[in-house]
């Protein structure tokens, strides 16, 4: 179980209290954080995060490099099965990653822009 986050803050219920998530929602949140956070920026776990923020490779190599870094970032999340990964550039030059993840019988898609 984990506390739900929204835009970097606790996501609140109707009473204004943070709430817990589990299963696929927790997995997708962990994957999102692992992809979005810069590697070694979290003092309590230097291995958390990815190096996607520094990825400015040529257009031809962008997909394979981003895929490698994305899979590396989520490799330590237990019970995670990764599926299709799509990489593209946004109009402002940022990298957009769409990654299918699954846990047990549930699956979903995480989208991250770095």
PDB file of N, CA and C in Angstrom:
ATOM      1  N   UNK A   1       0.835  -1.184   0.000  1.00  0.00           N
ATOM      2  CA  UNK A   1       0.000   0.000   0.000  1.00  0.00           C
ATOM      3  C   UNK A   1       0.878   1.245   0.000  1.00  0.00           C
ATOM      4  N   UNK A   2       0.345   2.278  -0.606  1.00  0.00           N
ATOM      5  CA  UNK A   2       1.059   3.544  -0.695  1.00  0.00           C
ATOM      6  C   UNK A   2       0.035   4.672  -0.613  1.00  0.00           C
ATOM      7  N   UNK A   3       0.513   5.853  -0.310  1.00  0.00           N
ATOM      8  CA  UNK A   3      -0.356   7.025  -0.268  1.00  0.00           C
ATOM      9  C   UNK A   3      -0.474   7.592  -1.678  1.00  0.00           C
ATOM     10  N   UNK A   4      -1.684   7.894  -2.095  1.00  0.00           N
ATOM     11  CA  UNK A   4      -1.921   8.414  -3.439  1.00  0.00           C
ATOM     12  C   UNK A   4      -1.337   9.821  -3.579  1.00  0.00           C
ATOM     13  N   UNK A   5      -0.691  10.064  -4.719  1.00  0.00           N
ATOM     14  CA  UNK A   5      -0.110  11.374  -5.012  1.00  0.00           C
ATOM     15  C   UNK A   5      -0.777  11.968  -6.245  1.00  0.00           C
ATOM     16  N   UNK A   6      -0.825  13.299  -6.274  1.00  0.00           N
ATOM     17  CA  UNK A   6      -1.351  14.017  -7.421  1.00  0.00           C
ATOM     18  C   UNK A   6      -0.540  15.292  -7.588  1.00  0.00           C
ATOM     19  N   UNK A   7       0.158  15.420  -8.709  1.00  0.00           N
ATOM     20  CA  UNK A   7       1.003  16.590  -8.982  1.00  0.00           C
ATOM     21  C   UNK A   7       2.020  16.841  -7.877  1.00  0.00           C
ATOM     22  N   UNK A   8       2.615  15.770  -7.347  1.00  0.00           N
ATOM     23  CA  UNK A   8       3.663  15.889  -6.336  1.00  0.00           C
ATOM     24  C   UNK A   8       3.171  16.105  -4.920  1.00  0.00           C
ATOM     25  N   UNK A   9       1.882  16.157  -4.721  1.00  0.00           N
ATOM     26  CA  UNK A   9       1.291  16.348  -3.386  1.00  0.00           C
ATOM     27  C   UNK A   9       0.394  15.153  -3.087  1.00  0.00           C
ATOM     28  N   UNK A  10       0.009  15.000  -1.806  1.00  0.00           N
ATOM     29  CA  UNK A  10      -0.943  13.960  -1.459  1.00  0.00           C
ATOM     30  C   UNK A  10      -2.273  14.216  -2.146  1.00  0.00           C
ATOM     31  N   UNK A  11      -2.849  13.179  -2.733  1.00  0.00           N
ATOM     32  CA  UNK A  11      -4.188  13.271  -3.309  1.00  0.00           C
ATOM     33  C   UNK A  11      -5.172  13.102  -2.153  1.00  0.00           C
ATOM     34  N   UNK A  12      -6.143  13.969  -2.067  1.00  0.00           N
ATOM     35  CA  UNK A  12      -7.034  13.997  -0.910  1.00  0.00           C
ATOM     36  C   UNK A  12      -8.421  13.484  -1.255  1.00  0.00           C
ATOM     37  N   UNK A  13      -9.058  12.862  -0.267  1.00  0.00           N
ATOM     38  CA  UNK A  13     -10.426  12.394  -0.454  1.00  0.00           C
ATOM     39  C   UNK A  13     -11.403  13.536  -0.171  1.00  0.00           C
ATOM     40  N   UNK A  14     -12.681  13.252  -0.150  1.00  0.00           N
ATOM     41  CA  UNK A  14     -13.704  14.264   0.060  1.00  0.00           C
ATOM     42  C   UNK A  14     -13.625  14.961   1.407  1.00  0.00           C
ATOM     43  N   UNK A  15     -12.960  14.325   2.380  1.00  0.00           N
ATOM     44  CA  UNK A  15     -12.809  14.933   3.708  1.00  0.00           C
ATOM     45  C   UNK A  15     -11.518  15.733   3.828  1.00  0.00           C
ATOM     46  N   UNK A  16     -10.728  15.751   2.755  1.00  0.00           N
ATOM     47  CA  UNK A  16      -9.457  16.463   2.791  1.00  0.00           C
ATOM     48  C   UNK A  16      -8.324  15.643   3.382  1.00  0.00           C
ATOM     49  N   UNK A  17      -8.491  14.323   3.435  1.00  0.00           N
ATOM     50  CA  UNK A  17      -7.489  13.424   4.001  1.00  0.00           C
ATOM     51  C   UNK A  17      -6.816  12.616   2.891  1.00  0.00           C
ATOM     52  N   UNK A  18      -5.497  12.350   3.033  1.00  0.00           N
ATOM     53  CA  UNK A  18      -4.826  11.485   2.063  1.00  0.00           C
ATOM     54  C   UNK A  18      -5.422  10.077   2.135  1.00  0.00           C
ATOM     55  N   UNK A  19      -5.373   9.357   1.023  1.00  0.00           N
ATOM     56  CA  UNK A  19      -5.893   7.996   1.040  1.00  0.00           C
ATOM     57  C   UNK A  19      -4.869   7.026   0.465  1.00  0.00           C
ATOM     58  N   UNK A  20      -5.056   5.745   0.767  1.00  0.00           N
ATOM     59  CA  UNK A  20      -4.130   4.706   0.367  1.00  0.00           C
ATOM     60  C   UNK A  20      -4.565   4.079  -0.952  1.00  0.00           C
ATOM     61  N   UNK A  21      -3.569   3.641  -1.721  1.00  0.00           N
ATOM     62  CA  UNK A  21      -3.823   2.913  -2.955  1.00  0.00           C
ATOM     63  C   UNK A  21      -3.054   1.603  -2.892  1.00  0.00           C
ATOM     64  N   UNK A  22      -3.498   0.627  -3.671  1.00  0.00           N
ATOM     65  CA  UNK A  22      -2.798  -0.652  -3.730  1.00  0.00           C
ATOM     66  C   UNK A  22      -3.018  -1.261  -5.109  1.00  0.00           C
ATOM     67  N   UNK A  23      -2.442  -2.415  -5.332  1.00  0.00           N
ATOM     68  CA  UNK A  23      -2.611  -3.118  -6.604  1.00  0.00           C
ATOM     69  C   UNK A  23      -2.071  -2.341  -7.788  1.00  0.00           C
ATOM     70  N   UNK A  24      -2.850  -2.320  -8.859  1.00  0.00           N
ATOM     71  CA  UNK A  24      -2.411  -1.681 -10.097  1.00  0.00           C
ATOM     72  C   UNK A  24      -2.176  -0.186  -9.914  1.00  0.00           C
ATOM     73  N   UNK A  25      -3.027   0.496  -9.159  1.00  0.00           N
ATOM     74  CA  UNK A  25      -2.857   1.938  -8.948  1.00  0.00           C
ATOM     75  C   UNK A  25      -1.531   2.235  -8.257  1.00  0.00           C
ATOM     76  N   UNK A  26      -1.169   1.424  -7.276  1.00  0.00           N
ATOM     77  CA  UNK A  26       0.114   1.607  -6.587  1.00  0.00           C
ATOM     78  C   UNK A  26       1.277   1.331  -7.534  1.00  0.00           C
ATOM     79  N   UNK A  27       1.173   0.265  -8.311  1.00  0.00           N
ATOM     80  CA  UNK A  27       2.220  -0.082  -9.265  1.00  0.00           C
ATOM     81  C   UNK A  27       2.426   1.035 -10.281  1.00  0.00           C
ATOM     82  N   UNK A  28       1.344   1.548 -10.831  1.00  0.00           N
ATOM     83  CA  UNK A  28       1.455   2.610 -11.827  1.00  0.00           C
ATOM     84  C   UNK A  28       2.060   3.869 -11.226  1.00  0.00           C
ATOM     85  N   UNK A  29       1.730   4.179  -9.979  1.00  0.00           N
ATOM     86  CA  UNK A  29       2.329   5.341  -9.315  1.00  0.00           C
ATOM     87  C   UNK A  29       3.820   5.136  -9.103  1.00  0.00           C
ATOM     88  N   UNK A  30       4.229   3.938  -8.703  1.00  0.00           N
ATOM     89  CA  UNK A  30       5.657   3.655  -8.509  1.00  0.00           C
ATOM     90  C   UNK A  30       6.431   3.769  -9.822  1.00  0.00           C
ATOM     91  N   UNK A  31       5.858   3.237 -10.894  1.00  0.00           N
ATOM     92  CA  UNK A  31       6.509   3.321 -12.204  1.00  0.00           C
ATOM     93  C   UNK A  31       6.631   4.783 -12.622  1.00  0.00           C
ATOM     94  N   UNK A  32       5.567   5.545 -12.457  1.00  0.00           N
ATOM     95  CA  UNK A  32       5.579   6.963 -12.813  1.00  0.00           C
ATOM     96  C   UNK A  32       6.690   7.698 -12.059  1.00  0.00           C
ATOM     97  N   UNK A  33       6.775   7.479 -10.749  1.00  0.00           N
ATOM     98  CA  UNK A  33       7.804   8.140  -9.932  1.00  0.00           C
ATOM     99  C   UNK A  33       9.195   7.715 -10.377  1.00  0.00           C
ATOM    100  N   UNK A  34       9.374   6.411 -10.634  1.00  0.00           N
ATOM    101  CA  UNK A  34      10.684   5.916 -11.058  1.00  0.00           C
ATOM    102  C   UNK A  34      11.127   6.521 -12.381  1.00  0.00           C
ATOM    103  N   UNK A  35      10.187   6.761 -13.278  1.00  0.00           N
ATOM    104  CA  UNK A  35      10.538   7.349 -14.570  1.00  0.00           C
ATOM    105  C   UNK A  35      10.739   8.856 -14.474  1.00  0.00           C
ATOM    106  N   UNK A  36       9.932   9.527 -13.683  1.00  0.00           N
ATOM    107  CA  UNK A  36       9.930  10.989 -13.621  1.00  0.00           C
ATOM    108  C   UNK A  36      11.081  11.546 -12.782  1.00  0.00           C
ATOM    109  N   UNK A  37      11.433  10.848 -11.702  1.00  0.00           N
ATOM    110  CA  UNK A  37      12.444  11.352 -10.775  1.00  0.00           C
ATOM    111  C   UNK A  37      13.853  11.161 -11.335  1.00  0.00           C
ATOM    112  N   UNK A  38      14.680  12.156 -11.149  1.00  0.00           N
ATOM    113  CA  UNK A  38      16.075  12.067 -11.578  1.00  0.00           C
ATOM    114  C   UNK A  38      16.811  11.077 -10.673  1.00  0.00           C
ATOM    115  N   UNK A  39      17.557  10.141 -11.289  1.00  0.00           N
ATOM    116  CA  UNK A  39      18.284   9.126 -10.524  1.00  0.00           C
ATOM    117  C   UNK A  39      19.215   9.786  -9.501  1.00  0.00           C
ATOM    118  N   UNK A  40      19.212   9.223  -8.308  1.00  0.00           N
ATOM    119  CA  UNK A  40      20.073   9.635  -7.188  1.00  0.00           C
ATOM    120  C   UNK A  40      19.651  10.947  -6.544  1.00  0.00           C
ATOM    121  N   UNK A  41      18.479  11.465  -6.893  1.00  0.00           N
ATOM    122  CA  UNK A  41      18.043  12.724  -6.275  1.00  0.00           C
ATOM    123  C   UNK A  41      17.286  12.511  -4.967  1.00  0.00           C
ATOM    124  N   UNK A  42      16.865  11.270  -4.694  1.00  0.00           N
ATOM    125  CA  UNK A  42      16.159  10.954  -3.451  1.00  0.00           C
ATOM    126  C   UNK A  42      17.187  10.454  -2.453  1.00  0.00           C
ATOM    127  N   UNK A  43      17.409  11.200  -1.399  1.00  0.00           N
ATOM    128  CA  UNK A  43      18.512  10.935  -0.471  1.00  0.00           C
ATOM    129  C   UNK A  43      18.423   9.574   0.206  1.00  0.00           C
ATOM    130  N   UNK A  44      17.217   9.054   0.391  1.00  0.00           N
ATOM    131  CA  UNK A  44      17.064   7.788   1.107  1.00  0.00           C
ATOM    132  C   UNK A  44      17.256   6.565   0.215  1.00  0.00           C
ATOM    133  N   UNK A  45      17.232   6.753  -1.084  1.00  0.00           N
ATOM    134  CA  UNK A  45      17.454   5.656  -2.019  1.00  0.00           C
ATOM    135  C   UNK A  45      18.081   6.216  -3.286  1.00  0.00           C
ATOM    136  N   UNK A  46      19.403   6.206  -3.352  1.00  0.00           N
ATOM    137  CA  UNK A  46      20.121   6.790  -4.488  1.00  0.00           C
ATOM    138  C   UNK A  46      19.890   6.030  -5.793  1.00  0.00           C
ATOM    139  N   UNK A  47      19.404   4.793  -5.721  1.00  0.00           N
ATOM    140  CA  UNK A  47      19.167   4.034  -6.950  1.00  0.00           C
ATOM    141  C   UNK A  47      17.787   4.315  -7.547  1.00  0.00           C
ATOM    142  N   UNK A  48      16.919   5.022  -6.828  1.00  0.00           N
ATOM    143  CA  UNK A  48      15.585   5.335  -7.328  1.00  0.00           C
ATOM    144  C   UNK A  48      15.661   6.403  -8.414  1.00  0.00           C
ATOM    145  N   UNK A  49      14.845   6.248  -9.435  1.00  0.00           N
ATOM    146  CA  UNK A  49      14.769   7.247 -10.492  1.00  0.00           C
ATOM    147  C   UNK A  49      15.355   6.763 -11.795  1.00  0.00           C
ATOM    148  N   UNK A  50      15.428   7.688 -12.754  1.00  0.00           N
ATOM    149  CA  UNK A  50      15.958   7.358 -14.073  1.00  0.00           C
ATOM    150  C   UNK A  50      16.885   8.472 -14.541  1.00  0.00           C
ATOM    151  N   UNK A  51      17.541   8.207 -15.645  1.00  0.00           N
ATOM    152  CA  UNK A  51      18.420   9.201 -16.261  1.00  0.00           C
ATOM    153  C   UNK A  51      17.786   9.768 -17.522  1.00  0.00           C
ATOM    154  N   UNK A  52      16.481   9.660 -17.616  1.00  0.00           N
ATOM    155  CA  UNK A  52      15.780  10.126 -18.815  1.00  0.00           C
ATOM    156  C   UNK A  52      15.841  11.635 -18.982  1.00  0.00           C
ATOM    157  N   UNK A  53      15.976  12.369 -17.898  1.00  0.00           N
ATOM    158  CA  UNK A  53      15.990  13.829 -17.993  1.00  0.00           C
ATOM    159  C   UNK A  53      17.181  14.346 -18.780  1.00  0.00           C
ATOM    160  N   UNK A  54      18.249  13.581 -18.849  1.00  0.00           N
ATOM    161  CA  UNK A  54      19.433  14.008 -19.571  1.00  0.00           C
ATOM    162  C   UNK A  54      19.530  13.424 -20.963  1.00  0.00           C
ATOM    163  N   UNK A  55      18.485  12.749 -21.410  1.00  0.00           N
ATOM    164  CA  UNK A  55      18.525  12.072 -22.698  1.00  0.00           C
ATOM    165  C   UNK A  55      18.260  13.051 -23.829  1.00  0.00           C
ATOM    166  N   UNK A  56      19.306  13.426 -24.537  1.00  0.00           N
ATOM    167  CA  UNK A  56      19.159  14.338 -25.677  1.00  0.00           C
ATOM    168  C   UNK A  56      19.796  13.728 -26.916  1.00  0.00           C
ATOM    169  N   UNK A  57      19.642  12.414 -27.049  1.00  0.00           N
ATOM    170  CA  UNK A  57      20.234  11.687 -28.166  1.00  0.00           C
ATOM    171  C   UNK A  57      19.621  12.127 -29.495  1.00  0.00           C
ATOM    172  N   UNK A  58      20.262  11.720 -30.568  1.00  0.00           N
ATOM    173  CA  UNK A  58      19.719  11.955 -31.897  1.00  0.00           C
ATOM    174  C   UNK A  58      18.363  11.269 -32.040  1.00  0.00           C
ATOM    175  N   UNK A  59      17.548  11.756 -32.921  1.00  0.00           N
ATOM    176  CA  UNK A  59      16.184  11.235 -33.091  1.00  0.00           C
ATOM    177  C   UNK A  59      16.167   9.724 -33.348  1.00  0.00           C
ATOM    178  N   UNK A  60      17.104   9.214 -34.147  1.00  0.00           N
ATOM    179  CA  UNK A  60      17.133   7.788 -34.467  1.00  0.00           C
ATOM    180  C   UNK A  60      17.387   6.920 -33.244  1.00  0.00           C
ATOM    181  N   UNK A  61      18.217   7.389 -32.316  1.00  0.00           N
ATOM    182  CA  UNK A  61      18.593   6.605 -31.141  1.00  0.00           C
ATOM    183  C   UNK A  61      17.694   6.878 -29.941  1.00  0.00           C
ATOM    184  N   UNK A  62      16.803   7.862 -30.048  1.00  0.00           N
ATOM    185  CA  UNK A  62      15.991   8.271 -28.904  1.00  0.00           C
ATOM    186  C   UNK A  62      15.161   7.124 -28.348  1.00  0.00           C
ATOM    187  N   UNK A  63      14.482   6.374 -29.205  1.00  0.00           N
ATOM    188  CA  UNK A  63      13.591   5.324 -28.731  1.00  0.00           C
ATOM    189  C   UNK A  63      14.346   4.238 -27.978  1.00  0.00           C
ATOM    190  N   UNK A  64      15.415   3.722 -28.542  1.00  0.00           N
ATOM    191  CA  UNK A  64      16.134   2.626 -27.892  1.00  0.00           C
ATOM    192  C   UNK A  64      16.785   3.076 -26.591  1.00  0.00           C
ATOM    193  N   UNK A  65      17.342   4.278 -26.554  1.00  0.00           N
ATOM    194  CA  UNK A  65      17.959   4.788 -25.320  1.00  0.00           C
ATOM    195  C   UNK A  65      16.899   5.033 -24.252  1.00  0.00           C
ATOM    196  N   UNK A  66      15.791   5.654 -24.611  1.00  0.00           N
ATOM    197  CA  UNK A  66      14.726   5.912 -23.644  1.00  0.00           C
ATOM    198  C   UNK A  66      14.130   4.605 -23.144  1.00  0.00           C
ATOM    199  N   UNK A  67      13.972   3.616 -24.025  1.00  0.00           N
ATOM    200  CA  UNK A  67      13.438   2.324 -23.599  1.00  0.00           C
ATOM    201  C   UNK A  67      14.373   1.653 -22.611  1.00  0.00           C
ATOM    202  N   UNK A  68      15.653   1.666 -22.891  1.00  0.00           N
ATOM    203  CA  UNK A  68      16.637   1.079 -21.980  1.00  0.00           C
ATOM    204  C   UNK A  68      16.591   1.761 -20.610  1.00  0.00           C
ATOM    205  N   UNK A  69      16.594   3.086 -20.595  1.00  0.00           N
ATOM    206  CA  UNK A  69      16.575   3.823 -19.330  1.00  0.00           C
ATOM    207  C   UNK A  69      15.264   3.624 -18.575  1.00  0.00           C
ATOM    208  N   UNK A  70      14.148   3.546 -19.289  1.00  0.00           N
ATOM    209  CA  UNK A  70      12.850   3.332 -18.639  1.00  0.00           C
ATOM    210  C   UNK A  70      12.794   1.949 -18.003  1.00  0.00           C
ATOM    211  N   UNK A  71      13.224   0.947 -18.733  1.00  0.00           N
ATOM    212  CA  UNK A  71      13.196  -0.414 -18.187  1.00  0.00           C
ATOM    213  C   UNK A  71      14.153  -0.541 -17.012  1.00  0.00           C
ATOM    214  N   UNK A  72      15.292   0.118 -17.058  1.00  0.00           N
ATOM    215  CA  UNK A  72      16.233   0.103 -15.947  1.00  0.00           C
ATOM    216  C   UNK A  72      15.624   0.780 -14.713  1.00  0.00           C
ATOM    217  N   UNK A  73      14.889   1.863 -14.916  1.00  0.00           N
ATOM    218  CA  UNK A  73      14.314   2.612 -13.800  1.00  0.00           C
ATOM    219  C   UNK A  73      13.263   1.814 -13.048  1.00  0.00           C
ATOM    220  N   UNK A  74      12.535   0.943 -13.735  1.00  0.00           N
ATOM    221  CA  UNK A  74      11.457   0.200 -13.076  1.00  0.00           C
ATOM    222  C   UNK A  74      11.823  -1.254 -12.797  1.00  0.00           C
ATOM    223  N   UNK A  75      13.053  -1.642 -13.060  1.00  0.00           N
ATOM    224  CA  UNK A  75      13.470  -3.037 -12.886  1.00  0.00           C
ATOM    225  C   UNK A  75      13.335  -3.531 -11.453  1.00  0.00           C
ATOM    226  N   UNK A  76      13.510  -2.685 -10.468  1.00  0.00           N
ATOM    227  CA  UNK A  76      13.486  -3.110  -9.075  1.00  0.00           C
ATOM    228  C   UNK A  76      12.101  -3.076  -8.437  1.00  0.00           C
ATOM    229  N   UNK A  77      11.081  -2.716  -9.196  1.00  0.00           N
ATOM    230  CA  UNK A  77       9.726  -2.700  -8.646  1.00  0.00           C
ATOM    231  C   UNK A  77       9.194  -4.130  -8.707  1.00  0.00           C
ATOM    232  N   UNK A  78       8.918  -4.735  -7.536  1.00  0.00           N
ATOM    233  CA  UNK A  78       8.524  -6.148  -7.523  1.00  0.00           C
ATOM    234  C   UNK A  78       7.187  -6.404  -8.210  1.00  0.00           C
ATOM    235  N   UNK A  79       7.051  -7.609  -8.764  1.00  0.00           N
ATOM    236  CA  UNK A  79       5.832  -8.110  -9.387  1.00  0.00           C
ATOM    237  C   UNK A  79       5.392  -7.307 -10.608  1.00  0.00           C
ATOM    238  N   UNK A  80       6.307  -6.550 -11.195  1.00  0.00           N
ATOM    239  CA  UNK A  80       5.959  -5.703 -12.328  1.00  0.00           C
ATOM    240  C   UNK A  80       6.312  -6.393 -13.638  1.00  0.00           C
ATOM    241  N   UNK A  81       5.363  -6.437 -14.529  1.00  0.00           N
ATOM    242  CA  UNK A  81       5.628  -6.906 -15.881  1.00  0.00           C
ATOM    243  C   UNK A  81       5.452  -5.722 -16.813  1.00  0.00           C
ATOM    244  N   UNK A  82       6.477  -5.463 -17.600  1.00  0.00           N
ATOM    245  CA  UNK A  82       6.441  -4.335 -18.519  1.00  0.00           C
ATOM    246  C   UNK A  82       6.039  -4.813 -19.904  1.00  0.00           C
ATOM    247  N   UNK A  83       5.230  -4.021 -20.557  1.00  0.00           N
ATOM    248  CA  UNK A  83       4.766  -4.362 -21.900  1.00  0.00           C
ATOM    249  C   UNK A  83       5.268  -3.367 -22.917  1.00  0.00           C
ATOM    250  N   UNK A  84       4.393  -2.984 -23.821  1.00  0.00           N
ATOM    251  CA  UNK A  84       4.718  -2.082 -24.917  1.00  0.00           C
ATOM    252  C   UNK A  84       5.170  -0.721 -24.400  1.00  0.00           C
ATOM    253  N   UNK A  85       6.215  -0.200 -24.996  1.00  0.00           N
ATOM    254  CA  UNK A  85       6.746   1.110 -24.637  1.00  0.00           C
ATOM    255  C   UNK A  85       6.807   1.959 -25.898  1.00  0.00           C
ATOM    256  N   UNK A  86       6.204   3.143 -25.843  1.00  0.00           N
ATOM    257  CA  UNK A  86       6.239   4.081 -26.972  1.00  0.00           C
ATOM    258  C   UNK A  86       6.954   5.349 -26.528  1.00  0.00           C
ATOM    259  N   UNK A  87       7.832   5.839 -27.367  1.00  0.00           N
ATOM    260  CA  UNK A  87       8.586   7.049 -27.073  1.00  0.00           C
ATOM    261  C   UNK A  87       8.361   8.055 -28.192  1.00  0.00           C
ATOM    262  N   UNK A  88       8.119   9.309 -27.810  1.00  0.00           N
ATOM    263  CA  UNK A  88       7.955  10.369 -28.806  1.00  0.00           C
ATOM    264  C   UNK A  88       8.448  11.676 -28.205  1.00  0.00           C
ATOM    265  N   UNK A  89       8.533  12.685 -29.040  1.00  0.00           N
ATOM    266  CA  UNK A  89       8.906  14.022 -28.576  1.00  0.00           C
ATOM    267  C   UNK A  89       7.673  14.905 -28.596  1.00  0.00           C
ATOM    268  N   UNK A  90       7.571  15.767 -27.589  1.00  0.00           N
ATOM    269  CA  UNK A  90       6.487  16.739 -27.566  1.00  0.00           C
ATOM    270  C   UNK A  90       6.896  17.931 -28.428  1.00  0.00           C
ATOM    271  N   UNK A  91       5.976  18.852 -28.653  1.00  0.00           N
ATOM    272  CA  UNK A  91       6.267  20.028 -29.476  1.00  0.00           C
ATOM    273  C   UNK A  91       7.372  20.894 -28.893  1.00  0.00           C
ATOM    274  N   UNK A  92       7.521  20.866 -27.556  1.00  0.00           N
ATOM    275  CA  UNK A  92       8.564  21.674 -26.921  1.00  0.00           C
ATOM    276  C   UNK A  92       9.871  20.904 -26.717  1.00  0.00           C
ATOM    277  N   UNK A  93      10.021  19.718 -27.359  1.00  0.00           N
ATOM    278  CA  UNK A  93      11.279  18.984 -27.342  1.00  0.00           C
ATOM    279  C   UNK A  93      11.459  18.009 -26.202  1.00  0.00           C
ATOM    280  N   UNK A  94      10.477  17.879 -25.317  1.00  0.00           N
ATOM    281  CA  UNK A  94      10.592  16.934 -24.202  1.00  0.00           C
ATOM    282  C   UNK A  94      10.276  15.525 -24.685  1.00  0.00           C
ATOM    283  N   UNK A  95      10.690  14.541 -23.904  1.00  0.00           N
ATOM    284  CA  UNK A  95      10.451  13.149 -24.241  1.00  0.00           C
ATOM    285  C   UNK A  95       9.172  12.685 -23.548  1.00  0.00           C
ATOM    286  N   UNK A  96       8.288  12.053 -24.318  1.00  0.00           N
ATOM    287  CA  UNK A  96       7.052  11.499 -23.768  1.00  0.00           C
ATOM    288  C   UNK A  96       7.135   9.982 -23.884  1.00  0.00           C
ATOM    289  N   UNK A  97       6.935   9.303 -22.748  1.00  0.00           N
ATOM    290  CA  UNK A  97       6.997   7.853 -22.713  1.00  0.00           C
ATOM    291  C   UNK A  97       5.639   7.313 -22.293  1.00  0.00           C
ATOM    292  N   UNK A  98       5.175   6.320 -23.008  1.00  0.00           N
ATOM    293  CA  UNK A  98       3.950   5.608 -22.672  1.00  0.00           C
ATOM    294  C   UNK A  98       4.342   4.143 -22.485  1.00  0.00           C
ATOM    295  N   UNK A  99       4.089   3.589 -21.287  1.00  0.00           N
ATOM    296  CA  UNK A  99       4.563   2.253 -20.939  1.00  0.00           C
ATOM    297  C   UNK A  99       3.420   1.431 -20.360  1.00  0.00           C
ATOM    298  N   UNK A 100       3.178   0.263 -20.948  1.00  0.00           N
ATOM    299  CA  UNK A 100       2.169  -0.654 -20.418  1.00  0.00           C
ATOM    300  C   UNK A 100       2.786  -1.452 -19.272  1.00  0.00           C
ATOM    301  N   UNK A 101       2.093  -1.500 -18.137  1.00  0.00           N
ATOM    302  CA  UNK A 101       2.544  -2.260 -16.974  1.00  0.00           C
ATOM    303  C   UNK A 101       1.418  -3.166 -16.506  1.00  0.00           C
ATOM    304  N   UNK A 102       1.796  -4.281 -15.882  1.00  0.00           N
ATOM    305  CA  UNK A 102       0.769  -5.167 -15.352  1.00  0.00           C
ATOM    306  C   UNK A 102       1.252  -5.829 -14.076  1.00  0.00           C
ATOM    307  N   UNK A 103       0.280  -6.169 -13.247  1.00  0.00           N
ATOM    308  CA  UNK A 103       0.514  -6.891 -12.011  1.00  0.00           C
ATOM    309  C   UNK A 103      -0.644  -7.869 -11.864  1.00  0.00           C
ATOM    310  N   UNK A 104      -0.312  -9.131 -11.714  1.00  0.00           N
ATOM    311  CA  UNK A 104      -1.316 -10.204 -11.665  1.00  0.00           C
ATOM    312  C   UNK A 104      -2.247 -10.108 -12.872  1.00  0.00           C
ATOM    313  N   UNK A 105      -3.549  -9.932 -12.673  1.00  0.00           N
ATOM    314  CA  UNK A 105      -4.506  -9.892 -13.774  1.00  0.00           C
ATOM    315  C   UNK A 105      -4.861  -8.490 -14.225  1.00  0.00           C
ATOM    316  N   UNK A 106      -4.237  -7.467 -13.649  1.00  0.00           N
ATOM    317  CA  UNK A 106      -4.557  -6.074 -13.976  1.00  0.00           C
ATOM    318  C   UNK A 106      -3.454  -5.474 -14.840  1.00  0.00           C
ATOM    319  N   UNK A 107      -3.837  -4.557 -15.711  1.00  0.00           N
ATOM    320  CA  UNK A 107      -2.840  -3.854 -16.515  1.00  0.00           C
ATOM    321  C   UNK A 107      -3.313  -2.428 -16.754  1.00  0.00           C
ATOM    322  N   UNK A 108      -2.342  -1.575 -17.046  1.00  0.00           N
ATOM    323  CA  UNK A 108      -2.631  -0.183 -17.308  1.00  0.00           C
ATOM    324  C   UNK A 108      -1.483   0.460 -18.041  1.00  0.00           C
ATOM    325  N   UNK A 109      -1.651   1.718 -18.391  1.00  0.00           N
ATOM    326  CA  UNK A 109      -0.632   2.463 -19.128  1.00  0.00           C
ATOM    327  C   UNK A 109      -0.217   3.689 -18.331  1.00  0.00           C
ATOM    328  N   UNK A 110       1.094   3.853 -18.189  1.00  0.00           N
ATOM    329  CA  UNK A 110       1.660   5.018 -17.506  1.00  0.00           C
ATOM    330  C   UNK A 110       2.247   5.926 -18.561  1.00  0.00           C
ATOM    331  N   UNK A 111       1.910   7.225 -18.489  1.00  0.00           N
ATOM    332  CA  UNK A 111       2.476   8.205 -19.403  1.00  0.00           C
ATOM    333  C   UNK A 111       3.281   9.219 -18.609  1.00  0.00           C
ATOM    334  N   UNK A 112       4.508   9.480 -19.059  1.00  0.00           N
ATOM    335  CA  UNK A 112       5.412  10.396 -18.377  1.00  0.00           C
ATOM    336  C   UNK A 112       6.052  11.308 -19.408  1.00  0.00           C
ATOM    337  N   UNK A 113       6.151  12.586 -19.107  1.00  0.00           N
ATOM    338  CA  UNK A 113       6.882  13.530 -19.945  1.00  0.00           C
ATOM    339  C   UNK A 113       8.055  14.056 -19.137  1.00  0.00           C
ATOM    340  N   UNK A 114       9.259  13.887 -19.682  1.00  0.00           N
ATOM    341  CA  UNK A 114      10.475  14.333 -18.993  1.00  0.00           C
ATOM    342  C   UNK A 114      11.253  15.293 -19.874  1.00  0.00           C
TER     343      UNK A 114
END
